[in-house]
């Protein structure tokens, strides 16, 4: 079994209004159900949500407030899962509730230990 990173990206351009507290609660429940389903298969390794604050560091010691600088989407969070191959990792990622939002995306990357990849 390899470990895979599932990155959740939110589109900032399409989103006109921030979600209401009720919507946020619903999103969190869907997210927890999705993660719970992965954990039930003993395939959840870990994960975290990311705050809206951030700094972007560029060459020549340029630091800007981010992560909104020049990007239309930001990484809302990520989880690490175990899967036997890319196909299984992708099929688990397809259940991510963030995909219910237009313009959002989920990226799946295999974690390497530096020896292969």
PDB file of N, CA and C in Angstrom:
ATOM      1  N   UNK A   1       0.846  -1.201   0.000  1.00  0.00           N
ATOM      2  CA  UNK A   1       0.000   0.000   0.000  1.00  0.00           C
ATOM      3  C   UNK A   1       0.879   1.247   0.000  1.00  0.00           C
ATOM      4  N   UNK A   2       0.580   2.159  -0.887  1.00  0.00           N
ATOM      5  CA  UNK A   2       1.270   3.433  -0.917  1.00  0.00           C
ATOM      6  C   UNK A   2       0.412   4.475  -0.214  1.00  0.00           C
ATOM      7  N   UNK A   3       1.036   5.594   0.116  1.00  0.00           N
ATOM      8  CA  UNK A   3       0.282   6.710   0.679  1.00  0.00           C
ATOM      9  C   UNK A   3       0.079   7.762  -0.397  1.00  0.00           C
ATOM     10  N   UNK A   4      -1.103   8.368  -0.373  1.00  0.00           N
ATOM     11  CA  UNK A   4      -1.472   9.381  -1.352  1.00  0.00           C
ATOM     12  C   UNK A   4      -1.959  10.624  -0.634  1.00  0.00           C
ATOM     13  N   UNK A   5      -1.636  11.764  -1.216  1.00  0.00           N
ATOM     14  CA  UNK A   5      -2.101  13.042  -0.700  1.00  0.00           C
ATOM     15  C   UNK A   5      -3.304  13.473  -1.531  1.00  0.00           C
ATOM     16  N   UNK A   6      -4.393  13.834  -0.872  1.00  0.00           N
ATOM     17  CA  UNK A   6      -5.559  14.371  -1.566  1.00  0.00           C
ATOM     18  C   UNK A   6      -5.655  15.850  -1.207  1.00  0.00           C
ATOM     19  N   UNK A   7      -5.392  16.701  -2.193  1.00  0.00           N
ATOM     20  CA  UNK A   7      -5.436  18.154  -2.002  1.00  0.00           C
ATOM     21  C   UNK A   7      -6.790  18.663  -2.443  1.00  0.00           C
ATOM     22  N   UNK A   8      -7.437  19.456  -1.603  1.00  0.00           N
ATOM     23  CA  UNK A   8      -8.752  19.983  -1.935  1.00  0.00           C
ATOM     24  C   UNK A   8      -8.621  21.451  -2.295  1.00  0.00           C
ATOM     25  N   UNK A   9      -9.004  21.792  -3.527  1.00  0.00           N
ATOM     26  CA  UNK A   9      -8.863  23.171  -4.008  1.00  0.00           C
ATOM     27  C   UNK A   9     -10.230  23.807  -4.192  1.00  0.00           C
ATOM     28  N   UNK A  10     -10.376  25.023  -3.663  1.00  0.00           N
ATOM     29  CA  UNK A  10     -11.619  25.786  -3.812  1.00  0.00           C
ATOM     30  C   UNK A  10     -11.408  26.876  -4.848  1.00  0.00           C
ATOM     31  N   UNK A  11     -12.395  27.049  -5.721  1.00  0.00           N
ATOM     32  CA  UNK A  11     -12.341  28.120  -6.704  1.00  0.00           C
ATOM     33  C   UNK A  11     -12.813  29.415  -6.048  1.00  0.00           C
ATOM     34  N   UNK A  12     -11.986  30.447  -6.091  1.00  0.00           N
ATOM     35  CA  UNK A  12     -12.342  31.714  -5.445  1.00  0.00           C
ATOM     36  C   UNK A  12     -13.061  32.661  -6.383  1.00  0.00           C
ATOM     37  N   UNK A  13     -12.968  32.408  -7.679  1.00  0.00           N
ATOM     38  CA  UNK A  13     -13.552  33.335  -8.640  1.00  0.00           C
ATOM     39  C   UNK A  13     -15.059  33.167  -8.700  1.00  0.00           C
ATOM     40  N   UNK A  14     -15.510  31.920  -8.722  1.00  0.00           N
ATOM     41  CA  UNK A  14     -16.940  31.639  -8.870  1.00  0.00           C
ATOM     42  C   UNK A  14     -17.717  31.986  -7.596  1.00  0.00           C
ATOM     43  N   UNK A  15     -17.058  31.836  -6.448  1.00  0.00           N
ATOM     44  CA  UNK A  15     -17.750  32.030  -5.172  1.00  0.00           C
ATOM     45  C   UNK A  15     -18.103  33.504  -4.953  1.00  0.00           C
ATOM     46  N   UNK A  16     -19.383  33.846  -5.071  1.00  0.00           N
ATOM     47  CA  UNK A  16     -19.798  35.236  -4.914  1.00  0.00           C
ATOM     48  C   UNK A  16     -19.932  35.573  -3.426  1.00  0.00           C
ATOM     49  N   UNK A  17     -20.584  34.699  -2.702  1.00  0.00           N
ATOM     50  CA  UNK A  17     -20.833  34.976  -1.287  1.00  0.00           C
ATOM     51  C   UNK A  17     -20.263  33.844  -0.448  1.00  0.00           C
ATOM     52  N   UNK A  18     -19.722  34.191   0.695  1.00  0.00           N
ATOM     53  CA  UNK A  18     -19.217  33.121   1.569  1.00  0.00           C
ATOM     54  C   UNK A  18     -20.373  32.266   2.078  1.00  0.00           C
ATOM     55  N   UNK A  19     -20.094  30.993   2.345  1.00  0.00           N
ATOM     56  CA  UNK A  19     -21.178  30.125   2.830  1.00  0.00           C
ATOM     57  C   UNK A  19     -21.684  30.578   4.197  1.00  0.00           C
ATOM     58  N   UNK A  20     -22.964  30.366   4.436  1.00  0.00           N
ATOM     59  CA  UNK A  20     -23.560  30.692   5.729  1.00  0.00           C
ATOM     60  C   UNK A  20     -23.061  29.697   6.776  1.00  0.00           C
ATOM     61  N   UNK A  21     -23.195  30.030   8.066  1.00  0.00           N
ATOM     62  CA  UNK A  21     -22.795  29.077   9.120  1.00  0.00           C
ATOM     63  C   UNK A  21     -23.505  27.735   8.982  1.00  0.00           C
ATOM     64  N   UNK A  22     -24.783  27.754   8.543  1.00  0.00           N
ATOM     65  CA  UNK A  22     -25.519  26.500   8.357  1.00  0.00           C
ATOM     66  C   UNK A  22     -24.889  25.677   7.230  1.00  0.00           C
ATOM     67  N   UNK A  23     -24.535  26.363   6.142  1.00  0.00           N
ATOM     68  CA  UNK A  23     -23.896  25.660   5.034  1.00  0.00           C
ATOM     69  C   UNK A  23     -22.549  25.097   5.479  1.00  0.00           C
ATOM     70  N   UNK A  24     -21.790  25.889   6.229  1.00  0.00           N
ATOM     71  CA  UNK A  24     -20.489  25.425   6.704  1.00  0.00           C
ATOM     72  C   UNK A  24     -20.653  24.161   7.544  1.00  0.00           C
ATOM     73  N   UNK A  25     -21.686  24.155   8.387  1.00  0.00           N
ATOM     74  CA  UNK A  25     -21.946  22.999   9.230  1.00  0.00           C
ATOM     75  C   UNK A  25     -22.266  21.774   8.372  1.00  0.00           C
ATOM     76  N   UNK A  26     -23.047  22.003   7.319  1.00  0.00           N
ATOM     77  CA  UNK A  26     -23.408  20.922   6.411  1.00  0.00           C
ATOM     78  C   UNK A  26     -22.162  20.420   5.677  1.00  0.00           C
ATOM     79  N   UNK A  27     -21.314  21.346   5.212  1.00  0.00           N
ATOM     80  CA  UNK A  27     -20.078  20.957   4.529  1.00  0.00           C
ATOM     81  C   UNK A  27     -19.199  20.120   5.448  1.00  0.00           C
ATOM     82  N   UNK A  28     -19.081  20.574   6.708  1.00  0.00           N
ATOM     83  CA  UNK A  28     -18.226  19.861   7.661  1.00  0.00           C
ATOM     84  C   UNK A  28     -18.760  18.455   7.900  1.00  0.00           C
ATOM     85  N   UNK A  29     -20.083  18.333   7.986  1.00  0.00           N
ATOM     86  CA  UNK A  29     -20.657  17.010   8.202  1.00  0.00           C
ATOM     87  C   UNK A  29     -20.374  16.096   7.009  1.00  0.00           C
ATOM     88  N   UNK A  30     -20.550  16.612   5.778  1.00  0.00           N
ATOM     89  CA  UNK A  30     -20.269  15.817   4.584  1.00  0.00           C
ATOM     90  C   UNK A  30     -18.795  15.408   4.558  1.00  0.00           C
ATOM     91  N   UNK A  31     -17.930  16.349   4.918  1.00  0.00           N
ATOM     92  CA  UNK A  31     -16.493  16.083   4.922  1.00  0.00           C
ATOM     93  C   UNK A  31     -16.164  14.991   5.946  1.00  0.00           C
ATOM     94  N   UNK A  32     -16.746  15.125   7.152  1.00  0.00           N
ATOM     95  CA  UNK A  32     -16.471  14.137   8.196  1.00  0.00           C
ATOM     96  C   UNK A  32     -17.006  12.758   7.812  1.00  0.00           C
ATOM     97  N   UNK A  33     -18.163  12.729   7.141  1.00  0.00           N
ATOM     98  CA  UNK A  33     -18.708  11.443   6.682  1.00  0.00           C
ATOM     99  C   UNK A  33     -17.780  10.804   5.654  1.00  0.00           C
ATOM    100  N   UNK A  34     -17.264  11.639   4.745  1.00  0.00           N
ATOM    101  CA  UNK A  34     -16.354  11.138   3.705  1.00  0.00           C
ATOM    102  C   UNK A  34     -15.072  10.582   4.331  1.00  0.00           C
ATOM    103  N   UNK A  35     -14.466  11.358   5.220  1.00  0.00           N
ATOM    104  CA  UNK A  35     -13.248  10.916   5.894  1.00  0.00           C
ATOM    105  C   UNK A  35     -13.535   9.687   6.749  1.00  0.00           C
ATOM    106  N   UNK A  36     -14.703   9.683   7.410  1.00  0.00           N
ATOM    107  CA  UNK A  36     -15.088   8.545   8.238  1.00  0.00           C
ATOM    108  C   UNK A  36     -15.179   7.258   7.429  1.00  0.00           C
ATOM    109  N   UNK A  37     -15.690   7.377   6.195  1.00  0.00           N
ATOM    110  CA  UNK A  37     -15.793   6.217   5.316  1.00  0.00           C
ATOM    111  C   UNK A  37     -14.420   5.670   4.941  1.00  0.00           C
ATOM    112  N   UNK A  38     -13.470   6.586   4.728  1.00  0.00           N
ATOM    113  CA  UNK A  38     -12.101   6.158   4.404  1.00  0.00           C
ATOM    114  C   UNK A  38     -11.463   5.522   5.640  1.00  0.00           C
ATOM    115  N   UNK A  39     -11.681   6.144   6.803  1.00  0.00           N
ATOM    116  CA  UNK A  39     -11.126   5.627   8.053  1.00  0.00           C
ATOM    117  C   UNK A  39     -11.691   4.243   8.366  1.00  0.00           C
ATOM    118  N   UNK A  40     -12.962   4.038   8.033  1.00  0.00           N
ATOM    119  CA  UNK A  40     -13.599   2.746   8.301  1.00  0.00           C
ATOM    120  C   UNK A  40     -12.923   1.619   7.516  1.00  0.00           C
ATOM    121  N   UNK A  41     -12.309   1.971   6.394  1.00  0.00           N
ATOM    122  CA  UNK A  41     -11.580   0.969   5.600  1.00  0.00           C
ATOM    123  C   UNK A  41     -10.117   0.887   6.028  1.00  0.00           C
ATOM    124  N   UNK A  42      -9.802   1.588   7.111  1.00  0.00           N
ATOM    125  CA  UNK A  42      -8.429   1.628   7.627  1.00  0.00           C
ATOM    126  C   UNK A  42      -7.454   2.209   6.602  1.00  0.00           C
ATOM    127  N   UNK A  43      -7.916   3.212   5.858  1.00  0.00           N
ATOM    128  CA  UNK A  43      -7.074   3.811   4.816  1.00  0.00           C
ATOM    129  C   UNK A  43      -6.774   5.278   5.088  1.00  0.00           C
ATOM    130  N   UNK A  44      -7.274   5.806   6.215  1.00  0.00           N
ATOM    131  CA  UNK A  44      -7.028   7.214   6.536  1.00  0.00           C
ATOM    132  C   UNK A  44      -5.729   7.324   7.316  1.00  0.00           C
ATOM    133  N   UNK A  45      -4.818   8.161   6.845  1.00  0.00           N
ATOM    134  CA  UNK A  45      -3.547   8.348   7.547  1.00  0.00           C
ATOM    135  C   UNK A  45      -3.588   9.609   8.401  1.00  0.00           C
ATOM    136  N   UNK A  46      -4.096  10.697   7.840  1.00  0.00           N
ATOM    137  CA  UNK A  46      -4.164  11.946   8.593  1.00  0.00           C
ATOM    138  C   UNK A  46      -4.598  13.065   7.682  1.00  0.00           C
ATOM    139  N   UNK A  47      -4.742  14.260   8.233  1.00  0.00           N
ATOM    140  CA  UNK A  47      -5.115  15.384   7.393  1.00  0.00           C
ATOM    141  C   UNK A  47      -5.440  16.596   8.209  1.00  0.00           C
ATOM    142  N   UNK A  48      -5.617  17.694   7.514  1.00  0.00           N
ATOM    143  CA  UNK A  48      -5.905  18.933   8.208  1.00  0.00           C
ATOM    144  C   UNK A  48      -6.569  19.916   7.261  1.00  0.00           C
ATOM    145  N   UNK A  49      -7.301  20.848   7.835  1.00  0.00           N
ATOM    146  CA  UNK A  49      -7.829  21.962   7.055  1.00  0.00           C
ATOM    147  C   UNK A  49      -6.840  23.112   7.205  1.00  0.00           C
ATOM    148  N   UNK A  50      -6.845  24.012   6.259  1.00  0.00           N
ATOM    149  CA  UNK A  50      -5.926  25.137   6.299  1.00  0.00           C
ATOM    150  C   UNK A  50      -6.705  26.426   6.498  1.00  0.00           C
ATOM    151  N   UNK A  51      -6.118  27.371   7.222  1.00  0.00           N
ATOM    152  CA  UNK A  51      -6.780  28.652   7.445  1.00  0.00           C
ATOM    153  C   UNK A  51      -6.717  29.484   6.170  1.00  0.00           C
ATOM    154  N   UNK A  52      -7.475  30.554   6.151  1.00  0.00           N
ATOM    155  CA  UNK A  52      -7.482  31.441   4.985  1.00  0.00           C
ATOM    156  C   UNK A  52      -6.246  32.334   4.945  1.00  0.00           C
ATOM    157  N   UNK A  53      -5.554  32.443   6.082  1.00  0.00           N
ATOM    158  CA  UNK A  53      -4.387  33.318   6.109  1.00  0.00           C
ATOM    159  C   UNK A  53      -3.196  32.594   5.527  1.00  0.00           C
ATOM    160  N   UNK A  54      -2.254  33.357   5.021  1.00  0.00           N
ATOM    161  CA  UNK A  54      -1.048  32.741   4.511  1.00  0.00           C
ATOM    162  C   UNK A  54      -0.087  33.784   4.010  1.00  0.00           C
ATOM    163  N   UNK A  55       1.109  33.377   3.734  1.00  0.00           N
ATOM    164  CA  UNK A  55       2.133  34.224   3.131  1.00  0.00           C
ATOM    165  C   UNK A  55       2.671  33.489   1.925  1.00  0.00           C
ATOM    166  N   UNK A  56       2.960  34.223   0.882  1.00  0.00           N
ATOM    167  CA  UNK A  56       3.576  33.647  -0.301  1.00  0.00           C
ATOM    168  C   UNK A  56       5.002  34.184  -0.375  1.00  0.00           C
ATOM    169  N   UNK A  57       5.956  33.271  -0.456  1.00  0.00           N
ATOM    170  CA  UNK A  57       7.368  33.662  -0.496  1.00  0.00           C
ATOM    171  C   UNK A  57       7.884  33.407  -1.901  1.00  0.00           C
ATOM    172  N   UNK A  58       8.536  34.411  -2.451  1.00  0.00           N
ATOM    173  CA  UNK A  58       9.056  34.318  -3.815  1.00  0.00           C
ATOM    174  C   UNK A  58      10.562  34.574  -3.779  1.00  0.00           C
ATOM    175  N   UNK A  59      11.231  34.308  -4.898  1.00  0.00           N
ATOM    176  CA  UNK A  59      12.666  34.564  -4.935  1.00  0.00           C
ATOM    177  C   UNK A  59      12.988  36.017  -4.580  1.00  0.00           C
ATOM    178  N   UNK A  60      14.226  36.248  -4.219  1.00  0.00           N
ATOM    179  CA  UNK A  60      14.732  37.584  -3.846  1.00  0.00           C
ATOM    180  C   UNK A  60      14.036  38.110  -2.599  1.00  0.00           C
ATOM    181  N   UNK A  61      13.639  37.179  -1.708  1.00  0.00           N
ATOM    182  CA  UNK A  61      13.092  37.563  -0.410  1.00  0.00           C
ATOM    183  C   UNK A  61      11.826  38.408  -0.498  1.00  0.00           C
ATOM    184  N   UNK A  62      10.991  38.136  -1.502  1.00  0.00           N
ATOM    185  CA  UNK A  62       9.725  38.842  -1.639  1.00  0.00           C
ATOM    186  C   UNK A  62       8.647  38.035  -0.914  1.00  0.00           C
ATOM    187  N   UNK A  63       8.000  38.659   0.075  1.00  0.00           N
ATOM    188  CA  UNK A  63       6.945  37.986   0.823  1.00  0.00           C
ATOM    189  C   UNK A  63       5.662  38.793   0.669  1.00  0.00           C
ATOM    190  N   UNK A  64       4.601  38.130   0.228  1.00  0.00           N
ATOM    191  CA  UNK A  64       3.321  38.822   0.087  1.00  0.00           C
ATOM    192  C   UNK A  64       2.281  38.109   0.932  1.00  0.00           C
ATOM    193  N   UNK A  65       1.228  38.850   1.295  1.00  0.00           N
ATOM    194  CA  UNK A  65       0.114  38.209   1.986  1.00  0.00           C
ATOM    195  C   UNK A  65      -0.599  37.316   1.000  1.00  0.00           C
ATOM    196  N   UNK A  66      -0.904  36.134   1.425  1.00  0.00           N
ATOM    197  CA  UNK A  66      -1.552  35.208   0.513  1.00  0.00           C
ATOM    198  C   UNK A  66      -2.608  34.463   1.270  1.00  0.00           C
ATOM    199  N   UNK A  67      -3.041  33.361   0.738  1.00  0.00           N
ATOM    200  CA  UNK A  67      -2.530  32.758  -0.503  1.00  0.00           C
ATOM    201  C   UNK A  67      -3.215  33.289  -1.749  1.00  0.00           C
ATOM    202  N   UNK A  68      -3.864  34.448  -1.664  1.00  0.00           N
ATOM    203  CA  UNK A  68      -4.716  34.874  -2.771  1.00  0.00           C
ATOM    204  C   UNK A  68      -3.980  35.630  -3.859  1.00  0.00           C
ATOM    205  N   UNK A  69      -2.704  35.866  -3.684  1.00  0.00           N
ATOM    206  CA  UNK A  69      -1.929  36.713  -4.585  1.00  0.00           C
ATOM    207  C   UNK A  69      -2.381  36.636  -6.045  1.00  0.00           C
ATOM    208  N   UNK A  70      -1.890  35.666  -6.793  1.00  0.00           N
ATOM    209  CA  UNK A  70      -2.265  35.621  -8.213  1.00  0.00           C
ATOM    210  C   UNK A  70      -2.980  34.328  -8.558  1.00  0.00           C
ATOM    211  N   UNK A  71      -3.626  33.729  -7.580  1.00  0.00           N
ATOM    212  CA  UNK A  71      -4.265  32.454  -7.883  1.00  0.00           C
ATOM    213  C   UNK A  71      -5.763  32.581  -7.742  1.00  0.00           C
ATOM    214  N   UNK A  72      -6.481  31.814  -8.544  1.00  0.00           N
ATOM    215  CA  UNK A  72      -7.931  31.877  -8.462  1.00  0.00           C
ATOM    216  C   UNK A  72      -8.470  30.768  -7.569  1.00  0.00           C
ATOM    217  N   UNK A  73      -7.597  29.877  -7.125  1.00  0.00           N
ATOM    218  CA  UNK A  73      -8.073  28.819  -6.237  1.00  0.00           C
ATOM    219  C   UNK A  73      -7.088  28.668  -5.097  1.00  0.00           C
ATOM    220  N   UNK A  74      -7.600  28.285  -3.962  1.00  0.00           N
ATOM    221  CA  UNK A  74      -6.689  28.060  -2.846  1.00  0.00           C
ATOM    222  C   UNK A  74      -6.917  26.677  -2.278  1.00  0.00           C
ATOM    223  N   UNK A  75      -5.892  26.159  -1.645  1.00  0.00           N
ATOM    224  CA  UNK A  75      -5.966  24.811  -1.076  1.00  0.00           C
ATOM    225  C   UNK A  75      -6.671  24.906   0.272  1.00  0.00           C
ATOM    226  N   UNK A  76      -7.824  24.283   0.345  1.00  0.00           N
ATOM    227  CA  UNK A  76      -8.647  24.357   1.553  1.00  0.00           C
ATOM    228  C   UNK A  76      -8.162  23.386   2.622  1.00  0.00           C
ATOM    229  N   UNK A  77      -7.505  22.326   2.201  1.00  0.00           N
ATOM    230  CA  UNK A  77      -7.032  21.336   3.160  1.00  0.00           C
ATOM    231  C   UNK A  77      -6.532  20.123   2.412  1.00  0.00           C
ATOM    232  N   UNK A  78      -6.081  19.153   3.171  1.00  0.00           N
ATOM    233  CA  UNK A  78      -5.586  17.935   2.534  1.00  0.00           C
ATOM    234  C   UNK A  78      -5.716  16.784   3.512  1.00  0.00           C
ATOM    235  N   UNK A  79      -5.802  15.590   2.956  1.00  0.00           N
ATOM    236  CA  UNK A  79      -5.717  14.394   3.786  1.00  0.00           C
ATOM    237  C   UNK A  79      -4.714  13.447   3.144  1.00  0.00           C
ATOM    238  N   UNK A  80      -4.185  12.575   3.934  1.00  0.00           N
ATOM    239  CA  UNK A  80      -3.297  11.524   3.438  1.00  0.00           C
ATOM    240  C   UNK A  80      -4.014  10.197   3.652  1.00  0.00           C
ATOM    241  N   UNK A  81      -4.020   9.394   2.596  1.00  0.00           N
ATOM    242  CA  UNK A  81      -4.701   8.099   2.673  1.00  0.00           C
ATOM    243  C   UNK A  81      -3.741   6.991   2.243  1.00  0.00           C
ATOM    244  N   UNK A  82      -4.135   5.762   2.545  1.00  0.00           N
ATOM    245  CA  UNK A  82      -3.420   4.580   2.039  1.00  0.00           C
ATOM    246  C   UNK A  82      -4.266   3.956   0.952  1.00  0.00           C
ATOM    247  N   UNK A  83      -3.641   3.569  -0.145  1.00  0.00           N
ATOM    248  CA  UNK A  83      -4.381   2.901  -1.218  1.00  0.00           C
ATOM    249  C   UNK A  83      -3.438   1.945  -1.926  1.00  0.00           C
ATOM    250  N   UNK A  84      -4.024   0.909  -2.551  1.00  0.00           N
ATOM    251  CA  UNK A  84      -3.149  -0.080  -3.194  1.00  0.00           C
ATOM    252  C   UNK A  84      -2.557   0.452  -4.497  1.00  0.00           C
ATOM    253  N   UNK A  85      -3.276   1.399  -5.139  1.00  0.00           N
ATOM    254  CA  UNK A  85      -2.744   1.987  -6.365  1.00  0.00           C
ATOM    255  C   UNK A  85      -3.454   3.314  -6.631  1.00  0.00           C
ATOM    256  N   UNK A  86      -3.036   3.984  -7.705  1.00  0.00           N
ATOM    257  CA  UNK A  86      -3.618   5.282  -8.053  1.00  0.00           C
ATOM    258  C   UNK A  86      -5.119   5.186  -8.266  1.00  0.00           C
ATOM    259  N   UNK A  87      -5.568   4.099  -8.925  1.00  0.00           N
ATOM    260  CA  UNK A  87      -6.997   3.969  -9.206  1.00  0.00           C
ATOM    261  C   UNK A  87      -7.821   3.977  -7.929  1.00  0.00           C
ATOM    262  N   UNK A  88      -7.344   3.243  -6.928  1.00  0.00           N
ATOM    263  CA  UNK A  88      -8.088   3.217  -5.665  1.00  0.00           C
ATOM    264  C   UNK A  88      -8.044   4.587  -4.992  1.00  0.00           C
ATOM    265  N   UNK A  89      -6.896   5.247  -5.029  1.00  0.00           N
ATOM    266  CA  UNK A  89      -6.773   6.576  -4.423  1.00  0.00           C
ATOM    267  C   UNK A  89      -7.733   7.560  -5.102  1.00  0.00           C
ATOM    268  N   UNK A  90      -7.794   7.505  -6.428  1.00  0.00           N
ATOM    269  CA  UNK A  90      -8.684   8.395  -7.180  1.00  0.00           C
ATOM    270  C   UNK A  90     -10.141   8.093  -6.843  1.00  0.00           C
ATOM    271  N   UNK A  91     -10.467   6.821  -6.734  1.00  0.00           N
ATOM    272  CA  UNK A  91     -11.869   6.503  -6.456  1.00  0.00           C
ATOM    273  C   UNK A  91     -12.261   6.967  -5.052  1.00  0.00           C
ATOM    274  N   UNK A  92     -11.358   6.907  -4.089  1.00  0.00           N
ATOM    275  CA  UNK A  92     -11.649   7.456  -2.757  1.00  0.00           C
ATOM    276  C   UNK A  92     -11.771   8.983  -2.836  1.00  0.00           C
ATOM    277  N   UNK A  93     -10.902   9.612  -3.619  1.00  0.00           N
ATOM    278  CA  UNK A  93     -10.914  11.075  -3.741  1.00  0.00           C
ATOM    279  C   UNK A  93     -12.197  11.581  -4.391  1.00  0.00           C
ATOM    280  N   UNK A  94     -12.769  10.780  -5.282  1.00  0.00           N
ATOM    281  CA  UNK A  94     -13.994  11.193  -5.988  1.00  0.00           C
ATOM    282  C   UNK A  94     -15.152  11.408  -5.032  1.00  0.00           C
ATOM    283  N   UNK A  95     -15.083  10.838  -3.837  1.00  0.00           N
ATOM    284  CA  UNK A  95     -16.162  11.017  -2.867  1.00  0.00           C
ATOM    285  C   UNK A  95     -16.063  12.322  -2.099  1.00  0.00           C
ATOM    286  N   UNK A  96     -15.023  13.115  -2.344  1.00  0.00           N
ATOM    287  CA  UNK A  96     -14.829  14.342  -1.570  1.00  0.00           C
ATOM    288  C   UNK A  96     -15.972  15.320  -1.830  1.00  0.00           C
ATOM    289  N   UNK A  97     -16.640  15.777  -0.750  1.00  0.00           N
ATOM    290  CA  UNK A  97     -17.799  16.656  -0.933  1.00  0.00           C
ATOM    291  C   UNK A  97     -17.441  18.013  -1.529  1.00  0.00           C
ATOM    292  N   UNK A  98     -16.182  18.396  -1.508  1.00  0.00           N
ATOM    293  CA  UNK A  98     -15.788  19.679  -2.098  1.00  0.00           C
ATOM    294  C   UNK A  98     -16.120  19.695  -3.592  1.00  0.00           C
ATOM    295  N   UNK A  99     -16.201  18.502  -4.191  1.00  0.00           N
ATOM    296  CA  UNK A  99     -16.493  18.407  -5.620  1.00  0.00           C
ATOM    297  C   UNK A  99     -17.936  18.770  -5.954  1.00  0.00           C
ATOM    298  N   UNK A 100     -18.772  18.949  -4.921  1.00  0.00           N
ATOM    299  CA  UNK A 100     -20.136  19.411  -5.160  1.00  0.00           C
ATOM    300  C   UNK A 100     -20.155  20.882  -5.570  1.00  0.00           C
ATOM    301  N   UNK A 101     -19.056  21.591  -5.328  1.00  0.00           N
ATOM    302  CA  UNK A 101     -18.994  23.013  -5.651  1.00  0.00           C
ATOM    303  C   UNK A 101     -18.398  23.237  -7.027  1.00  0.00           C
ATOM    304  N   UNK A 102     -19.061  24.054  -7.816  1.00  0.00           N
ATOM    305  CA  UNK A 102     -18.601  24.334  -9.174  1.00  0.00           C
ATOM    306  C   UNK A 102     -17.215  24.967  -9.151  1.00  0.00           C
ATOM    307  N   UNK A 103     -16.330  24.489 -10.005  1.00  0.00           N
ATOM    308  CA  UNK A 103     -15.003  25.076 -10.103  1.00  0.00           C
ATOM    309  C   UNK A 103     -13.992  24.487  -9.126  1.00  0.00           C
ATOM    310  N   UNK A 104     -14.473  23.771  -8.121  1.00  0.00           N
ATOM    311  CA  UNK A 104     -13.553  23.170  -7.153  1.00  0.00           C
ATOM    312  C   UNK A 104     -12.870  21.949  -7.764  1.00  0.00           C
ATOM    313  N   UNK A 105     -11.758  21.557  -7.187  1.00  0.00           N
ATOM    314  CA  UNK A 105     -11.091  20.358  -7.683  1.00  0.00           C
ATOM    315  C   UNK A 105     -10.359  19.660  -6.554  1.00  0.00           C
ATOM    316  N   UNK A 106     -10.036  18.406  -6.816  1.00  0.00           N
ATOM    317  CA  UNK A 106      -9.286  17.596  -5.871  1.00  0.00           C
ATOM    318  C   UNK A 106      -8.100  17.024  -6.636  1.00  0.00           C
ATOM    319  N   UNK A 107      -6.931  17.137  -6.060  1.00  0.00           N
ATOM    320  CA  UNK A 107      -5.728  16.611  -6.702  1.00  0.00           C
ATOM    321  C   UNK A 107      -5.210  15.438  -5.895  1.00  0.00           C
ATOM    322  N   UNK A 108      -4.828  14.371  -6.570  1.00  0.00           N
ATOM    323  CA  UNK A 108      -4.304  13.179  -5.901  1.00  0.00           C
ATOM    324  C   UNK A 108      -2.842  13.021  -6.295  1.00  0.00           C
ATOM    325  N   UNK A 109      -1.967  12.915  -5.302  1.00  0.00           N
ATOM    326  CA  UNK A 109      -0.539  12.730  -5.561  1.00  0.00           C
ATOM    327  C   UNK A 109      -0.028  11.583  -4.703  1.00  0.00           C
ATOM    328  N   UNK A 110       0.792  10.725  -5.295  1.00  0.00           N
ATOM    329  CA  UNK A 110       1.398   9.657  -4.505  1.00  0.00           C
ATOM    330  C   UNK A 110       2.575  10.248  -3.730  1.00  0.00           C
ATOM    331  N   UNK A 111       2.663   9.893  -2.452  1.00  0.00           N
ATOM    332  CA  UNK A 111       3.799  10.331  -1.647  1.00  0.00           C
ATOM    333  C   UNK A 111       4.955   9.377  -1.917  1.00  0.00           C
ATOM    334  N   UNK A 112       6.121   9.930  -2.096  1.00  0.00           N
ATOM    335  CA  UNK A 112       7.289   9.074  -2.344  1.00  0.00           C
ATOM    336  C   UNK A 112       8.232   9.194  -1.166  1.00  0.00           C
ATOM    337  N   UNK A 113       9.010   8.163  -0.977  1.00  0.00           N
ATOM    338  CA  UNK A 113       9.999   8.199   0.119  1.00  0.00           C
ATOM    339  C   UNK A 113      11.354   8.656  -0.413  1.00  0.00           C
ATOM    340  N   UNK A 114      11.363   9.136  -1.656  1.00  0.00           N
ATOM    341  CA  UNK A 114      12.621   9.599  -2.223  1.00  0.00           C
ATOM    342  C   UNK A 114      13.336   8.531  -3.010  1.00  0.00           C
ATOM    343  N   UNK A 115      12.942   7.256  -2.841  1.00  0.00           N
ATOM    344  CA  UNK A 115      13.617   6.164  -3.532  1.00  0.00           C
ATOM    345  C   UNK A 115      12.976   5.846  -4.862  1.00  0.00           C
ATOM    346  N   UNK A 116      11.680   6.170  -4.979  1.00  0.00           N
ATOM    347  CA  UNK A 116      11.030   5.913  -6.266  1.00  0.00           C
ATOM    348  C   UNK A 116       9.985   7.000  -6.462  1.00  0.00           C
ATOM    349  N   UNK A 117       9.486   7.081  -7.673  1.00  0.00           N
ATOM    350  CA  UNK A 117       8.468   8.079  -7.927  1.00  0.00           C
ATOM    351  C   UNK A 117       8.842   8.811  -9.140  1.00  0.00           C
TER     352      UNK A 117
END
